[in-house]
Amino acid sequence: MIFKTDSFLADVGGINNFVSLFGTLYGIMAAFIVFEVWGEYNGATKLIDEEALGMERLYRLTLYFRDNKLSQMMKKAINKYIDLVINREFPAISKGERDKETSKVFREIFSIINNIKFDDDHDQTVFDHVLEHYGKLGEMRTNRVNQSLTRLPNLLKVFFYLSSFFALLIFVLRVYKRLLIIK
């Protein structure tokens, strides 16, 4: 009914141009958002892998102290940390929150390192490496958490949702228009 009127026929060319331009811009914006989200995912995955390897290296470095008690304490603390990261921190980060318990356990690892007693010069050399490695792990952890908490800006999300709604509306109206013309 509305679409059969002659008053809208003059605007068909302009509307088609607008819809074409809007579709092009929408496609570019959607591709940008997918590219950005995919890049964030890949960055977070890389940081998770690096941190996991770093934890393994930290444990292996503590083996050089030749102290079974220290090795067992470190293994227990690292396992506790990894368990908390997987079971508490990842779910918290998916909600945009931080998990404080995981940070406490990470500091417990430092407490173990800080309480290492030296038997000889060999231990001092290993300790320097362990301390340096723990510092790098702290940076990796901070980068991983920050990367994982990074989200698309709200304004961009709202714009994308509105654009998607508008694109859907145009599509539905065009289909509806064709159905009315056919009748």
Protein backbone atom coordinates (compact mmCIF):
# COMPACT_ATOMS: atom_id res chain seq x y z
CA MET A 1 0.00 0.00 0.00
CA ILE A 2 2.52 2.60 1.09
CA PHE A 3 5.10 1.42 -1.42
CA LYS A 4 2.68 1.50 -4.39
CA THR A 5 2.27 5.28 -4.24
CA ASP A 6 3.82 7.37 -6.97
CA SER A 7 5.24 9.88 -4.48
CA PHE A 8 8.02 7.48 -3.47
CA LEU A 9 9.08 6.54 -7.01
CA ALA A 10 11.15 9.70 -7.42
CA ASP A 11 13.23 8.80 -4.37
CA VAL A 12 14.05 5.24 -5.44
CA GLY A 13 17.43 6.16 -6.99
CA GLY A 14 18.50 8.14 -3.93
CA ILE A 15 17.35 5.45 -1.55
CA ASN A 16 19.21 2.80 -3.54
CA ASN A 17 22.38 4.91 -3.45
CA PHE A 18 22.01 5.39 0.30
CA VAL A 19 21.41 1.69 0.89
CA SER A 20 24.45 0.80 -1.26
CA LEU A 21 26.67 3.27 0.57
CA PHE A 22 25.36 2.15 3.94
CA GLY A 23 25.92 -1.51 3.05
CA THR A 24 29.49 -0.80 1.96
CA LEU A 25 30.30 1.14 5.12
CA TYR A 26 28.59 -1.50 7.26
CA GLY A 27 30.66 -4.24 5.62
CA ILE A 28 33.90 -2.33 6.21
CA MET A 29 32.95 -1.65 9.83
CA ALA A 30 31.98 -5.29 10.45
CA ALA A 31 35.26 -6.47 8.92
CA PHE A 32 37.20 -4.04 11.11
CA ILE A 33 35.43 -5.26 14.25
CA VAL A 34 35.99 -8.92 13.39
CA PHE A 35 39.65 -8.19 12.63
CA GLU A 36 40.08 -6.31 15.92
CA VAL A 37 38.35 -8.95 18.06
CA TRP A 38 40.29 -11.73 16.35
CA GLY A 39 43.55 -9.85 16.96
CA GLU A 40 42.71 -9.41 20.64
CA TYR A 41 41.90 -13.11 20.92
CA ASN A 42 45.18 -14.10 19.25
CA GLY A 43 47.13 -11.70 21.49
CA ALA A 44 45.51 -13.07 24.65
CA THR A 45 46.12 -16.66 23.51
CA LYS A 46 49.78 -15.91 22.87
CA LEU A 47 50.17 -14.34 26.31
CA ILE A 48 48.47 -17.32 27.97
CA ASP A 49 50.88 -19.70 26.20
CA GLU A 50 53.89 -17.58 27.18
CA GLU A 51 52.80 -17.47 30.81
CA ALA A 52 52.27 -21.24 30.90
CA LEU A 53 55.74 -21.81 29.46
CA GLY A 54 57.12 -19.28 31.94
CA MET A 55 55.63 -21.18 34.85
CA GLU A 56 57.21 -24.37 33.59
CA ARG A 57 60.58 -22.62 33.26
CA LEU A 58 60.27 -21.22 36.78
CA TYR A 59 59.73 -24.71 38.16
CA ARG A 60 62.67 -26.07 36.17
CA LEU A 61 64.89 -23.27 37.46
CA THR A 62 64.03 -24.17 41.05
CA LEU A 63 65.25 -27.70 40.37
CA TYR A 64 68.77 -26.25 40.01
CA PHE A 65 68.83 -25.47 43.74
CA ARG A 66 69.06 -29.20 44.45
CA ASP A 67 66.54 -28.80 47.28
CA ASN A 68 63.66 -31.27 47.12
CA LYS A 69 61.61 -29.41 49.74
CA LEU A 70 61.90 -26.16 47.77
CA SER A 71 61.04 -27.95 44.52
CA GLN A 72 57.94 -29.51 46.07
CA MET A 73 56.80 -26.18 47.57
CA MET A 74 57.27 -24.45 44.23
CA LYS A 75 55.47 -27.22 42.35
CA LYS A 76 52.55 -27.06 44.77
CA ALA A 77 52.31 -23.25 44.52
CA ILE A 78 52.54 -23.27 40.71
CA ASN A 79 49.89 -26.00 40.45
CA LYS A 80 47.62 -24.04 42.79
CA TYR A 81 48.17 -20.89 40.72
CA ILE A 82 47.45 -22.69 37.44
CA ASP A 83 44.32 -24.28 38.90
CA LEU A 84 43.04 -20.90 40.07
CA VAL A 85 43.82 -19.26 36.73
CA ILE A 86 41.86 -21.91 34.86
CA ASN A 87 38.95 -22.36 37.25
CA ARG A 88 38.51 -18.87 38.71
CA GLU A 89 40.41 -16.20 36.81
CA PHE A 90 39.35 -17.14 33.27
CA PRO A 91 35.63 -17.19 34.21
CA ALA A 92 36.04 -13.88 36.10
CA ILE A 93 37.83 -12.27 33.16
CA SER A 94 35.09 -13.45 30.79
CA LYS A 95 32.72 -11.33 32.91
CA GLY A 96 35.12 -8.37 32.80
CA GLU A 97 36.30 -8.81 36.40
CA ARG A 98 39.62 -9.55 38.10
CA ASP A 99 40.22 -12.43 40.50
CA LYS A 100 42.12 -11.36 43.62
CA GLU A 101 42.75 -14.89 44.89
CA THR A 102 44.92 -15.70 41.87
CA SER A 103 47.03 -12.62 42.54
CA LYS A 104 47.55 -13.73 46.15
CA VAL A 105 48.78 -17.14 45.04
CA PHE A 106 51.10 -15.49 42.51
CA ARG A 107 52.56 -13.48 45.40
CA GLU A 108 52.92 -16.73 47.38
CA ILE A 109 55.25 -17.93 44.64
CA PHE A 110 57.37 -14.84 45.27
CA SER A 111 57.32 -15.57 49.00
CA ILE A 112 58.77 -19.01 48.29
CA ILE A 113 61.46 -17.44 46.11
CA ASN A 114 62.18 -14.80 48.73
CA ASN A 115 62.74 -17.43 51.44
CA ILE A 116 65.33 -19.43 49.49
CA LYS A 117 68.47 -20.12 51.54
CA PHE A 118 71.81 -20.24 49.75
CA ASP A 119 74.24 -23.11 50.24
CA ASP A 120 76.91 -21.92 47.79
CA ASP A 121 77.71 -19.55 44.90
CA HIS A 122 75.80 -21.83 42.56
CA ASP A 123 72.58 -21.04 44.47
CA GLN A 124 73.22 -17.28 44.21
CA THR A 125 73.58 -17.55 40.43
CA VAL A 126 70.42 -19.63 40.11
CA PHE A 127 68.56 -17.28 42.47
CA ASP A 128 69.35 -14.30 40.23
CA HIS A 129 67.90 -16.18 37.25
CA VAL A 130 64.81 -17.23 39.21
CA LEU A 131 64.22 -13.68 40.42
CA GLU A 132 64.63 -12.24 36.93
CA HIS A 133 62.30 -14.88 35.52
CA TYR A 134 59.66 -14.20 38.17
CA GLY A 135 59.78 -10.50 37.23
CA LYS A 136 59.18 -11.40 33.60
CA LEU A 137 56.33 -13.68 34.66
CA GLY A 138 54.76 -10.78 36.54
CA GLU A 139 54.89 -8.67 33.38
CA MET A 140 53.43 -11.52 31.32
CA ARG A 141 50.64 -11.97 33.83
CA THR A 142 49.81 -8.26 33.87
CA ASN A 143 49.81 -8.13 30.06
CA ARG A 144 47.63 -11.24 29.83
CA VAL A 145 45.05 -9.94 32.28
CA ASN A 146 44.97 -6.50 30.66
CA GLN A 147 44.71 -7.97 27.16
CA SER A 148 41.97 -10.34 28.27
CA LEU A 149 39.99 -7.52 29.88
CA THR A 150 40.22 -5.32 26.79
CA ARG A 151 36.81 -5.00 25.19
CA LEU A 152 35.43 -3.08 22.26
CA PRO A 153 34.48 0.45 23.30
CA ASN A 154 30.80 0.77 24.23
CA LEU A 155 30.21 3.51 21.66
CA LEU A 156 31.51 1.25 18.88
CA LYS A 157 29.34 -1.64 20.12
CA VAL A 158 26.22 0.55 20.22
CA PHE A 159 27.00 1.91 16.76
CA PHE A 160 27.51 -1.62 15.43
CA TYR A 161 24.26 -2.89 16.99
CA LEU A 162 22.28 0.07 15.64
CA SER A 163 23.85 -0.36 12.21
CA SER A 164 23.01 -4.07 12.28
CA PHE A 165 19.43 -3.30 13.25
CA PHE A 166 19.20 -0.69 10.50
CA ALA A 167 20.66 -3.09 7.91
CA LEU A 168 18.16 -5.76 8.95
CA LEU A 169 15.32 -3.25 8.80
CA ILE A 170 16.28 -2.18 5.28
CA PHE A 171 16.48 -5.81 4.20
CA VAL A 172 13.06 -6.62 5.67
CA LEU A 173 11.49 -3.51 4.13
CA ARG A 174 12.92 -4.34 0.70
CA VAL A 175 11.57 -7.89 0.89
CA TYR A 176 8.22 -6.56 2.13
CA LYS A 177 8.19 -4.01 -0.69
CA ARG A 178 8.79 -6.70 -3.32
CA LEU A 179 6.01 -8.82 -1.85
CA LEU A 180 3.61 -5.86 -2.03
CA ILE A 181 4.55 -5.10 -5.64
CA ILE A 182 4.08 -8.74 -6.66
CA LYS A 183 0.55 -8.81 -5.23
